[in-house]
Amino acid sequence: MKLLLSILFLSSTILLAAQDVKVSSGKVVRHGFFNSEYVDARTVDVWLPENYNEEEQYAVLYMHDGQMLFDASNTWNNQEWGVDEVMSVLINNKRIRKCIVVGIWNNGAKRHSEYFPRRGWRMTDKEKQKKILLMQDAHIDPAIFEQGMLADQYLQFIVRELKPYIDKNYSTHTDKANTFIMGSSMGGLISCYALCEYPGIFEGAICMSTHWPAVGGVTFNYLKHNIPNAKTHRIYFDYGTTTLDSLYEPYQLKVDSLMFLHGYQSDKNYVSKRFEGAEHTETAWRKRLHIPLEFMLKEEK
């Protein structure tokens, strides 16, 4: 059965990767089956704004779940983030700096394995690990305990392979001050983890509807010991109040308190927002996407 599911997933991925991406503004360059020494090959989509010019340099936003960003006609739930539309409006109105978006497709069955912060689990004592393994609902795909936790390899792929490729083949600002990472749900967790693990690479992380309850919420303990310097980084969190997002508020409030203790200041280098009635969907994230983008990518003075 597992082999059959893997074949079906691979077949559907090949079909989707071969399709053109329909965008309203700018263009998407598709890199099908981008190979890696660290993780399975996958598709990477690079969105370039209108009038992209190789004589200029652009900031770079790396986004997880790349197949959900641009074209609802090719997504499993017929929803999308509308990244091209939102980015274009903000750039054209000079609300944010000029930026390209690198959409990294998730790995389907291994998505949770690649997005869950491995060091959070390793820092958890053995007795607590045993209790978590016995939980009826650890808010994570239990397959990660069989597949192994692959977040460290996934981040190595981004930092050691993908970023050098992007910087070589596109006209980018390569410095930390112009390099950002973003995702939602489990993608929010891995974005936070990326900022903590590679503070010399990323200036900031946007973490929407962050799935803090995963594996008993053990990522919080990791975060306590690995928060990046507030003087040189920025971070955005948010959450809704319905569907899966209804679980997040108590976790996020603890995270907010922790961040303030480490020198982060509201609306200066830290934002945490609650959106009443918002669901755990691409449609909901699209409606408020402009808010984190304006905070994180505002024009440099």
C-alpha atoms as a PDB file:
ATOM      1  CA  MET A   1       0.000   0.000   0.000  1.00  0.00           C
ATOM      2  CA  LYS A   2       2.792   2.460   0.923  1.00  0.00           C
ATOM      3  CA  LEU A   3       4.561   1.700  -2.363  1.00  0.00           C
ATOM      4  CA  LEU A   4       1.331   2.318  -4.294  1.00  0.00           C
ATOM      5  CA  LEU A   5       0.743   5.643  -2.511  1.00  0.00           C
ATOM      6  CA  SER A   6       4.319   6.689  -3.216  1.00  0.00           C
ATOM      7  CA  ILE A   7       3.910   5.869  -6.914  1.00  0.00           C
ATOM      8  CA  LEU A   8       0.612   7.777  -7.082  1.00  0.00           C
ATOM      9  CA  PHE A   9       2.147  10.808  -5.331  1.00  0.00           C
ATOM     10  CA  LEU A  10       5.182  10.759  -7.625  1.00  0.00           C
ATOM     11  CA  SER A  11       2.956  10.480 -10.696  1.00  0.00           C
ATOM     12  CA  SER A  12       0.771  13.417  -9.621  1.00  0.00           C
ATOM     13  CA  THR A  13       3.851  15.476  -8.763  1.00  0.00           C
ATOM     14  CA  ILE A  14       5.364  14.835 -12.200  1.00  0.00           C
ATOM     15  CA  LEU A  15       2.088  15.883 -13.848  1.00  0.00           C
ATOM     16  CA  LEU A  16       1.799  19.097 -11.819  1.00  0.00           C
ATOM     17  CA  ALA A  17       5.471  19.970 -12.293  1.00  0.00           C
ATOM     18  CA  ALA A  18       5.027  19.741 -16.059  1.00  0.00           C
ATOM     19  CA  GLN A  19       2.133  22.203 -16.108  1.00  0.00           C
ATOM     20  CA  ASP A  20       2.532  25.912 -16.735  1.00  0.00           C
ATOM     21  CA  VAL A  21       1.954  28.285 -13.829  1.00  0.00           C
ATOM     22  CA  LYS A  22      -0.769  30.857 -14.442  1.00  0.00           C
ATOM     23  CA  VAL A  23      -0.064  34.179 -12.744  1.00  0.00           C
ATOM     24  CA  SER A  24      -1.776  37.554 -12.926  1.00  0.00           C
ATOM     25  CA  SER A  25       1.387  39.581 -12.663  1.00  0.00           C
ATOM     26  CA  GLY A  26       5.065  38.962 -13.239  1.00  0.00           C
ATOM     27  CA  LYS A  27       6.184  35.505 -14.292  1.00  0.00           C
ATOM     28  CA  VAL A  28       7.154  32.206 -12.732  1.00  0.00           C
ATOM     29  CA  VAL A  29      10.263  30.322 -13.804  1.00  0.00           C
ATOM     30  CA  ARG A  30       9.817  26.654 -12.965  1.00  0.00           C
ATOM     31  CA  HIS A  31      12.803  24.507 -12.025  1.00  0.00           C
ATOM     32  CA  GLY A  32      11.436  20.982 -12.171  1.00  0.00           C
ATOM     33  CA  PHE A  33      13.002  18.327  -9.960  1.00  0.00           C
ATOM     34  CA  PHE A  34      15.735  20.411  -8.400  1.00  0.00           C
ATOM     35  CA  ASN A  35      18.277  17.841  -7.213  1.00  0.00           C
ATOM     36  CA  SER A  36      19.827  17.804  -3.756  1.00  0.00           C
ATOM     37  CA  GLU A  37      22.360  15.830  -1.768  1.00  0.00           C
ATOM     38  CA  TYR A  38      20.285  16.366   1.371  1.00  0.00           C
ATOM     39  CA  VAL A  39      16.627  15.772   0.471  1.00  0.00           C
ATOM     40  CA  ASP A  40      14.518  14.320  -2.323  1.00  0.00           C
ATOM     41  CA  ALA A  41      14.416  16.255  -5.600  1.00  0.00           C
ATOM     42  CA  ARG A  42      11.496  18.653  -5.912  1.00  0.00           C
ATOM     43  CA  THR A  43      10.093  21.476  -7.996  1.00  0.00           C
ATOM     44  CA  VAL A  44      11.146  25.052  -7.236  1.00  0.00           C
ATOM     45  CA  ASP A  45       9.172  27.984  -8.660  1.00  0.00           C
ATOM     46  CA  VAL A  46      10.790  31.419  -8.873  1.00  0.00           C
ATOM     47  CA  TRP A  47       8.433  34.389  -9.195  1.00  0.00           C
ATOM     48  CA  LEU A  48       9.864  37.483 -10.860  1.00  0.00           C
ATOM     49  CA  PRO A  49       7.997  40.805 -10.657  1.00  0.00           C
ATOM     50  CA  GLU A  50       6.911  42.784 -13.705  1.00  0.00           C
ATOM     51  CA  ASN A  51       9.832  44.520 -15.393  1.00  0.00           C
ATOM     52  CA  TYR A  52      12.377  42.305 -13.637  1.00  0.00           C
ATOM     53  CA  ASN A  53      15.716  43.767 -14.662  1.00  0.00           C
ATOM     54  CA  GLU A  54      19.077  42.056 -14.333  1.00  0.00           C
ATOM     55  CA  GLU A  55      20.680  45.480 -13.945  1.00  0.00           C
ATOM     56  CA  GLU A  56      18.928  45.786 -10.568  1.00  0.00           C
ATOM     57  CA  GLN A  57      19.229  43.632  -7.468  1.00  0.00           C
ATOM     58  CA  TYR A  58      16.284  42.113  -5.627  1.00  0.00           C
ATOM     59  CA  ALA A  59      15.605  40.871  -2.113  1.00  0.00           C
ATOM     60  CA  VAL A  60      14.666  37.177  -1.864  1.00  0.00           C
ATOM     61  CA  LEU A  61      11.756  35.601   0.010  1.00  0.00           C
ATOM     62  CA  TYR A  62      11.909  31.814   0.345  1.00  0.00           C
ATOM     63  CA  MET A  63       8.469  30.250   0.833  1.00  0.00           C
ATOM     64  CA  HIS A  64       7.516  26.695   1.758  1.00  0.00           C
ATOM     65  CA  ASP A  65       4.601  24.721   0.247  1.00  0.00           C
ATOM     66  CA  GLY A  66       5.537  26.269  -3.074  1.00  0.00           C
ATOM     67  CA  GLN A  67       2.813  24.499  -5.072  1.00  0.00           C
ATOM     68  CA  MET A  68       0.161  26.484  -3.150  1.00  0.00           C
ATOM     69  CA  LEU A  69       1.417  30.001  -3.875  1.00  0.00           C
ATOM     70  CA  PHE A  70       0.406  31.098  -7.362  1.00  0.00           C
ATOM     71  CA  ASP A  71      -2.138  29.031  -9.269  1.00  0.00           C
ATOM     72  CA  ALA A  72      -5.312  27.640  -7.675  1.00  0.00           C
ATOM     73  CA  SER A  73      -6.128  25.620 -10.805  1.00  0.00           C
ATOM     74  CA  ASN A  74      -3.258  23.270  -9.934  1.00  0.00           C
ATOM     75  CA  THR A  75      -3.672  22.923  -6.146  1.00  0.00           C
ATOM     76  CA  TRP A  76      -5.321  20.073  -4.257  1.00  0.00           C
ATOM     77  CA  ASN A  77      -7.991  22.314  -2.683  1.00  0.00           C
ATOM     78  CA  ASN A  78      -8.370  24.892  -5.471  1.00  0.00           C
ATOM     79  CA  GLN A  79      -6.953  27.600  -3.206  1.00  0.00           C
ATOM     80  CA  GLU A  80      -3.769  29.673  -3.461  1.00  0.00           C
ATOM     81  CA  TRP A  81      -1.914  32.396  -1.586  1.00  0.00           C
ATOM     82  CA  GLY A  82      -2.150  34.867  -4.471  1.00  0.00           C
ATOM     83  CA  VAL A  83       1.496  35.755  -3.929  1.00  0.00           C
ATOM     84  CA  ASP A  84       1.948  37.271  -7.378  1.00  0.00           C
ATOM     85  CA  GLU A  85      -1.055  39.594  -7.002  1.00  0.00           C
ATOM     86  CA  VAL A  86      -0.238  40.753  -3.468  1.00  0.00           C
ATOM     87  CA  MET A  87       3.479  41.218  -4.101  1.00  0.00           C
ATOM     88  CA  SER A  88       2.836  43.161  -7.305  1.00  0.00           C
ATOM     89  CA  VAL A  89       0.449  45.620  -5.652  1.00  0.00           C
ATOM     90  CA  LEU A  90       2.873  46.234  -2.792  1.00  0.00           C
ATOM     91  CA  ILE A  91       5.907  46.656  -5.070  1.00  0.00           C
ATOM     92  CA  ASN A  92       4.095  48.907  -7.519  1.00  0.00           C
ATOM     93  CA  ASN A  93       2.871  51.137  -4.707  1.00  0.00           C
ATOM     94  CA  LYS A  94       6.351  51.201  -3.152  1.00  0.00           C
ATOM     95  CA  ARG A  95       5.056  49.629   0.037  1.00  0.00           C
ATOM     96  CA  ILE A  96       7.858  47.042  -0.042  1.00  0.00           C
ATOM     97  CA  ARG A  97      11.283  46.736  -1.662  1.00  0.00           C
ATOM     98  CA  LYS A  98      11.672  44.933  -4.972  1.00  0.00           C
ATOM     99  CA  CYS A  99      11.738  41.217  -4.271  1.00  0.00           C
ATOM    100  CA  ILE A 100      11.617  37.819  -5.940  1.00  0.00           C
ATOM    101  CA  VAL A 101       9.881  34.816  -4.385  1.00  0.00           C
ATOM    102  CA  VAL A 102      11.328  31.300  -4.339  1.00  0.00           C
ATOM    103  CA  GLY A 103       8.514  28.783  -3.870  1.00  0.00           C
ATOM    104  CA  ILE A 104       9.866  25.458  -2.627  1.00  0.00           C
ATOM    105  CA  TRP A 105       7.403  22.624  -3.217  1.00  0.00           C
ATOM    106  CA  ASN A 106       6.744  20.385  -0.243  1.00  0.00           C
ATOM    107  CA  ASN A 107       7.510  16.696  -0.388  1.00  0.00           C
ATOM    108  CA  GLY A 108       3.997  15.349   0.096  1.00  0.00           C
ATOM    109  CA  ALA A 109       4.264  12.345   2.392  1.00  0.00           C
ATOM    110  CA  LYS A 110       7.468  13.688   3.974  1.00  0.00           C
ATOM    111  CA  ARG A 111       6.175  17.236   4.521  1.00  0.00           C
ATOM    112  CA  HIS A 112       5.881  16.896   8.297  1.00  0.00           C
ATOM    113  CA  SER A 113       9.239  15.133   8.518  1.00  0.00           C
ATOM    114  CA  GLU A 114      10.952  17.982   6.674  1.00  0.00           C
ATOM    115  CA  TYR A 115       9.128  20.803   8.451  1.00  0.00           C
ATOM    116  CA  PHE A 116       9.267  19.684  12.106  1.00  0.00           C
ATOM    117  CA  PRO A 117      12.259  21.165  14.041  1.00  0.00           C
ATOM    118  CA  ARG A 118      14.383  18.112  14.805  1.00  0.00           C
ATOM    119  CA  ARG A 119      16.417  19.690  17.592  1.00  0.00           C
ATOM    120  CA  GLY A 120      13.236  20.395  19.548  1.00  0.00           C
ATOM    121  CA  TRP A 121      12.663  16.654  19.752  1.00  0.00           C
ATOM    122  CA  ARG A 122      16.312  15.878  20.555  1.00  0.00           C
ATOM    123  CA  MET A 123      16.258  18.369  23.436  1.00  0.00           C
ATOM    124  CA  THR A 124      13.222  16.600  24.945  1.00  0.00           C
ATOM    125  CA  ASP A 125      14.033  14.158  27.745  1.00  0.00           C
ATOM    126  CA  LYS A 126      13.387  10.464  27.132  1.00  0.00           C
ATOM    127  CA  GLU A 127      10.476  10.181  29.550  1.00  0.00           C
ATOM    128  CA  LYS A 128       8.598  13.012  27.901  1.00  0.00           C
ATOM    129  CA  GLN A 129       9.347  11.526  24.501  1.00  0.00           C
ATOM    130  CA  LYS A 130       7.751   8.253  25.625  1.00  0.00           C
ATOM    131  CA  LYS A 131       4.619  10.069  26.792  1.00  0.00           C
ATOM    132  CA  ILE A 132       4.354  11.960  23.512  1.00  0.00           C
ATOM    133  CA  LEU A 133       4.693   8.744  21.528  1.00  0.00           C
ATOM    134  CA  LEU A 134       1.719   7.366  23.478  1.00  0.00           C
ATOM    135  CA  MET A 135      -0.473  10.400  22.867  1.00  0.00           C
ATOM    136  CA  GLN A 136      -3.596   9.749  20.805  1.00  0.00           C
ATOM    137  CA  ASP A 137      -3.106  13.016  18.950  1.00  0.00           C
ATOM    138  CA  ALA A 138       0.356  14.600  18.909  1.00  0.00           C
ATOM    139  CA  HIS A 139      -0.807  17.004  16.166  1.00  0.00           C
ATOM    140  CA  ILE A 140       1.707  15.568  13.710  1.00  0.00           C
ATOM    141  CA  ASP A 141       1.804  12.833  11.090  1.00  0.00           C
ATOM    142  CA  PRO A 142       3.099   9.815  13.094  1.00  0.00           C
ATOM    143  CA  ALA A 143       5.055   8.756  10.019  1.00  0.00           C
ATOM    144  CA  ILE A 144       7.790  11.212  11.025  1.00  0.00           C
ATOM    145  CA  PHE A 145       8.897   8.759  13.710  1.00  0.00           C
ATOM    146  CA  GLU A 146       9.386   6.122  10.995  1.00  0.00           C
ATOM    147  CA  GLN A 147      10.767   8.357   8.250  1.00  0.00           C
ATOM    148  CA  GLY A 148      13.092  10.253  10.567  1.00  0.00           C
ATOM    149  CA  MET A 149      13.046  13.985  11.234  1.00  0.00           C
ATOM    150  CA  LEU A 150      14.483  15.674   8.166  1.00  0.00           C
ATOM    151  CA  ALA A 151      14.274  19.389   8.966  1.00  0.00           C
ATOM    152  CA  ASP A 152      18.030  19.803   9.373  1.00  0.00           C
ATOM    153  CA  GLN A 153      18.643  18.255   5.950  1.00  0.00           C
ATOM    154  CA  TYR A 154      15.866  20.378   4.443  1.00  0.00           C
ATOM    155  CA  LEU A 155      17.457  23.571   5.751  1.00  0.00           C
ATOM    156  CA  GLN A 156      20.862  22.449   4.507  1.00  0.00           C
ATOM    157  CA  PHE A 157      19.287  22.051   1.087  1.00  0.00           C
ATOM    158  CA  ILE A 158      17.967  25.622   1.203  1.00  0.00           C
ATOM    159  CA  VAL A 159      21.111  27.237   2.589  1.00  0.00           C
ATOM    160  CA  ARG A 160      23.867  25.214   0.914  1.00  0.00           C
ATOM    161  CA  GLU A 161      22.303  24.368  -2.452  1.00  0.00           C
ATOM    162  CA  LEU A 162      19.226  26.404  -3.302  1.00  0.00           C
ATOM    163  CA  LYS A 163      20.326  29.845  -2.102  1.00  0.00           C
ATOM    164  CA  PRO A 164      23.698  29.682  -3.940  1.00  0.00           C
ATOM    165  CA  TYR A 165      21.844  28.624  -7.091  1.00  0.00           C
ATOM    166  CA  ILE A 166      19.343  31.469  -6.811  1.00  0.00           C
ATOM    167  CA  ASP A 167      22.057  34.032  -6.133  1.00  0.00           C
ATOM    168  CA  LYS A 168      24.083  32.794  -9.111  1.00  0.00           C
ATOM    169  CA  ASN A 169      21.221  32.665 -11.608  1.00  0.00           C
ATOM    170  CA  TYR A 170      19.109  35.654 -10.578  1.00  0.00           C
ATOM    171  CA  SER A 171      19.924  39.264  -9.831  1.00  0.00           C
ATOM    172  CA  THR A 172      19.704  39.232  -6.046  1.00  0.00           C
ATOM    173  CA  HIS A 173      20.983  40.980  -2.986  1.00  0.00           C
ATOM    174  CA  THR A 174      22.879  38.088  -1.400  1.00  0.00           C
ATOM    175  CA  ASP A 175      23.263  39.548   2.101  1.00  0.00           C
ATOM    176  CA  LYS A 176      21.326  38.635   5.244  1.00  0.00           C
ATOM    177  CA  ALA A 177      19.521  41.980   5.258  1.00  0.00           C
ATOM    178  CA  ASN A 178      17.688  41.001   2.070  1.00  0.00           C
ATOM    179  CA  THR A 179      17.050  37.304   2.682  1.00  0.00           C
ATOM    180  CA  PHE A 180      13.800  36.132   4.301  1.00  0.00           C
ATOM    181  CA  ILE A 181      11.884  32.910   4.862  1.00  0.00           C
ATOM    182  CA  MET A 182       8.167  32.299   5.216  1.00  0.00           C
ATOM    183  CA  GLY A 183       5.489  29.662   5.671  1.00  0.00           C
ATOM    184  CA  SER A 184       2.244  28.719   7.358  1.00  0.00           C
ATOM    185  CA  SER A 185       1.236  25.950   9.752  1.00  0.00           C
ATOM    186  CA  MET A 186       4.144  23.445   9.718  1.00  0.00           C
ATOM    187  CA  GLY A 187       5.743  25.899   7.289  1.00  0.00           C
ATOM    188  CA  GLY A 188       5.594  28.466  10.086  1.00  0.00           C
ATOM    189  CA  LEU A 189       7.488  26.098  12.374  1.00  0.00           C
ATOM    190  CA  ILE A 190      10.255  25.435   9.862  1.00  0.00           C
ATOM    191  CA  SER A 191      10.552  29.160   9.088  1.00  0.00           C
ATOM    192  CA  CYS A 192      11.077  29.935  12.763  1.00  0.00           C
ATOM    193  CA  TYR A 193      13.560  27.058  12.969  1.00  0.00           C
ATOM    194  CA  ALA A 194      15.448  28.355   9.928  1.00  0.00           C
ATOM    195  CA  LEU A 195      15.873  31.789  11.503  1.00  0.00           C
ATOM    196  CA  CYS A 196      17.170  30.232  14.724  1.00  0.00           C
ATOM    197  CA  GLU A 197      19.504  27.754  13.015  1.00  0.00           C
ATOM    198  CA  TYR A 198      20.852  30.163  10.385  1.00  0.00           C
ATOM    199  CA  PRO A 199      20.749  33.673  11.874  1.00  0.00           C
ATOM    200  CA  GLY A 200      23.642  34.669   9.629  1.00  0.00           C
ATOM    201  CA  ILE A 201      21.636  33.832   6.492  1.00  0.00           C
ATOM    202  CA  PHE A 202      18.140  35.140   7.230  1.00  0.00           C
ATOM    203  CA  GLU A 203      17.184  38.618   8.411  1.00  0.00           C
ATOM    204  CA  GLY A 204      13.636  37.629   9.260  1.00  0.00           C
ATOM    205  CA  ALA A 205      10.936  34.976   9.276  1.00  0.00           C
ATOM    206  CA  ILE A 206       7.202  35.198   8.619  1.00  0.00           C
ATOM    207  CA  CYS A 207       5.340  32.452  10.471  1.00  0.00           C
ATOM    208  CA  MET A 208       1.589  32.398   9.837  1.00  0.00           C
ATOM    209  CA  SER A 209      -0.733  30.081  11.781  1.00  0.00           C
ATOM    210  CA  THR A 210       2.317  28.403  13.278  1.00  0.00           C
ATOM    211  CA  HIS A 211       1.583  24.807  14.247  1.00  0.00           C
ATOM    212  CA  TRP A 212       3.008  24.992  17.763  1.00  0.00           C
ATOM    213  CA  PRO A 213       1.085  21.958  19.121  1.00  0.00           C
ATOM    214  CA  ALA A 214       3.094  19.571  16.915  1.00  0.00           C
ATOM    215  CA  VAL A 215       4.690  16.727  18.902  1.00  0.00           C
ATOM    216  CA  GLY A 216       3.366  17.992  22.213  1.00  0.00           C
ATOM    217  CA  GLY A 217       4.620  21.538  21.664  1.00  0.00           C
ATOM    218  CA  VAL A 218       8.287  20.629  22.243  1.00  0.00           C
ATOM    219  CA  THR A 219       9.525  23.316  19.841  1.00  0.00           C
ATOM    220  CA  PHE A 220       8.907  25.918  22.568  1.00  0.00           C
ATOM    221  CA  ASN A 221      11.743  24.512  24.702  1.00  0.00           C
ATOM    222  CA  TYR A 222      14.089  24.646  21.712  1.00  0.00           C
ATOM    223  CA  LEU A 223      13.088  28.243  21.035  1.00  0.00           C
ATOM    224  CA  LYS A 224      13.904  29.301  24.604  1.00  0.00           C
ATOM    225  CA  HIS A 225      17.560  28.447  24.017  1.00  0.00           C
ATOM    226  CA  ASN A 226      17.943  29.549  20.397  1.00  0.00           C
ATOM    227  CA  ILE A 227      16.229  32.893  19.848  1.00  0.00           C
ATOM    228  CA  PRO A 228      18.262  34.985  17.393  1.00  0.00           C
ATOM    229  CA  ASN A 229      19.590  38.394  18.406  1.00  0.00           C
ATOM    230  CA  ALA A 230      16.760  40.931  18.544  1.00  0.00           C
ATOM    231  CA  LYS A 231      19.121  43.701  17.424  1.00  0.00           C
ATOM    232  CA  THR A 232      19.692  42.104  14.018  1.00  0.00           C
ATOM    233  CA  HIS A 233      16.525  40.115  13.241  1.00  0.00           C
ATOM    234  CA  ARG A 234      12.787  40.468  12.790  1.00  0.00           C
ATOM    235  CA  ILE A 235       9.968  37.965  13.135  1.00  0.00           C
ATOM    236  CA  TYR A 236       6.232  37.905  12.437  1.00  0.00           C
ATOM    237  CA  PHE A 237       3.667  35.504  13.919  1.00  0.00           C
ATOM    238  CA  ASP A 238      -0.105  35.332  13.592  1.00  0.00           C
ATOM    239  CA  TYR A 239      -3.043  32.976  14.043  1.00  0.00           C
ATOM    240  CA  GLY A 240      -6.775  32.731  13.448  1.00  0.00           C
ATOM    241  CA  THR A 241      -9.441  31.498  15.848  1.00  0.00           C
ATOM    242  CA  THR A 242     -11.343  28.778  13.967  1.00  0.00           C
ATOM    243  CA  THR A 243     -10.631  25.310  12.555  1.00  0.00           C
ATOM    244  CA  LEU A 244      -7.072  24.193  13.314  1.00  0.00           C
ATOM    245  CA  ASP A 245      -6.032  27.735  14.211  1.00  0.00           C
ATOM    246  CA  SER A 246      -8.283  27.573  17.267  1.00  0.00           C
ATOM    247  CA  LEU A 247      -5.539  25.538  18.989  1.00  0.00           C
ATOM    248  CA  TYR A 248      -2.804  28.124  18.642  1.00  0.00           C
ATOM    249  CA  GLU A 249      -3.505  31.082  20.933  1.00  0.00           C
ATOM    250  CA  PRO A 250      -2.170  29.693  24.266  1.00  0.00           C
ATOM    251  CA  TYR A 251       1.054  28.575  22.573  1.00  0.00           C
ATOM    252  CA  GLN A 252       1.511  31.871  20.731  1.00  0.00           C
ATOM    253  CA  LEU A 253       0.990  33.933  23.880  1.00  0.00           C
ATOM    254  CA  LYS A 254       3.795  31.963  25.571  1.00  0.00           C
ATOM    255  CA  VAL A 255       6.025  32.566  22.572  1.00  0.00           C
ATOM    256  CA  ASP A 256       5.217  36.293  22.633  1.00  0.00           C
ATOM    257  CA  SER A 257       6.235  36.562  26.298  1.00  0.00           C
ATOM    258  CA  LEU A 258       9.460  34.705  25.574  1.00  0.00           C
ATOM    259  CA  MET A 259      10.343  36.951  22.654  1.00  0.00           C
ATOM    260  CA  PHE A 260       9.746  40.118  24.686  1.00  0.00           C
ATOM    261  CA  LEU A 261      12.043  38.779  27.409  1.00  0.00           C
ATOM    262  CA  HIS A 262      14.757  38.463  24.764  1.00  0.00           C
ATOM    263  CA  GLY A 263      14.534  42.055  23.649  1.00  0.00           C
ATOM    264  CA  TYR A 264      12.014  41.948  20.830  1.00  0.00           C
ATOM    265  CA  GLN A 265       9.677  44.938  20.652  1.00  0.00           C
ATOM    266  CA  SER A 266       6.175  45.096  19.189  1.00  0.00           C
ATOM    267  CA  ASP A 267       5.956  46.666  15.734  1.00  0.00           C
ATOM    268  CA  LYS A 268       9.695  47.409  15.724  1.00  0.00           C
ATOM    269  CA  ASN A 269      11.235  44.005  15.142  1.00  0.00           C
ATOM    270  CA  TYR A 270       8.345  41.793  16.247  1.00  0.00           C
ATOM    271  CA  VAL A 271       4.706  41.393  15.294  1.00  0.00           C
ATOM    272  CA  SER A 272       2.168  38.923  16.672  1.00  0.00           C
ATOM    273  CA  LYS A 273      -1.428  39.203  15.513  1.00  0.00           C
ATOM    274  CA  ARG A 274      -4.723  37.456  16.221  1.00  0.00           C
ATOM    275  CA  PHE A 275      -7.317  37.354  13.429  1.00  0.00           C
ATOM    276  CA  GLU A 276     -10.810  36.726  14.776  1.00  0.00           C
ATOM    277  CA  GLY A 277     -12.739  34.186  12.713  1.00  0.00           C
ATOM    278  CA  ALA A 278      -9.823  33.353  10.414  1.00  0.00           C
ATOM    279  CA  GLU A 279      -9.511  29.724   9.326  1.00  0.00           C
ATOM    280  CA  HIS A 280      -6.518  27.518   8.632  1.00  0.00           C
ATOM    281  CA  THR A 281      -6.605  27.913   4.840  1.00  0.00           C
ATOM    282  CA  GLU A 282      -4.734  29.493   1.964  1.00  0.00           C
ATOM    283  CA  THR A 283      -7.733  31.756   1.405  1.00  0.00           C
ATOM    284  CA  ALA A 284      -7.396  33.126   4.939  1.00  0.00           C
ATOM    285  CA  TRP A 285      -3.630  33.614   4.621  1.00  0.00           C
ATOM    286  CA  ARG A 286      -4.088  35.373   1.301  1.00  0.00           C
ATOM    287  CA  LYS A 287      -6.472  37.927   2.836  1.00  0.00           C
ATOM    288  CA  ARG A 288      -3.838  39.081   5.328  1.00  0.00           C
ATOM    289  CA  LEU A 289      -0.650  38.380   3.357  1.00  0.00           C
ATOM    290  CA  HIS A 290       0.011  42.076   2.782  1.00  0.00           C
ATOM    291  CA  ILE A 291       0.444  42.652   6.530  1.00  0.00           C
ATOM    292  CA  PRO A 292       3.550  40.502   7.130  1.00  0.00           C
ATOM    293  CA  LEU A 293       5.019  41.433   3.758  1.00  0.00           C
ATOM    294  CA  GLU A 294       4.813  45.152   4.540  1.00  0.00           C
ATOM    295  CA  PHE A 295       6.362  44.578   7.946  1.00  0.00           C
ATOM    296  CA  MET A 296       9.202  42.378   6.714  1.00  0.00           C
ATOM    297  CA  LEU A 297       9.965  43.845   3.284  1.00  0.00           C
ATOM    298  CA  LYS A 298       9.417  47.547   3.848  1.00  0.00           C
ATOM    299  CA  GLU A 299      11.706  49.797   1.851  1.00  0.00           C
ATOM    300  CA  GLU A 300      15.137  50.220   3.429  1.00  0.00           C
ATOM    301  CA  LYS A 301      15.882  53.763   4.546  1.00  0.00           C
END
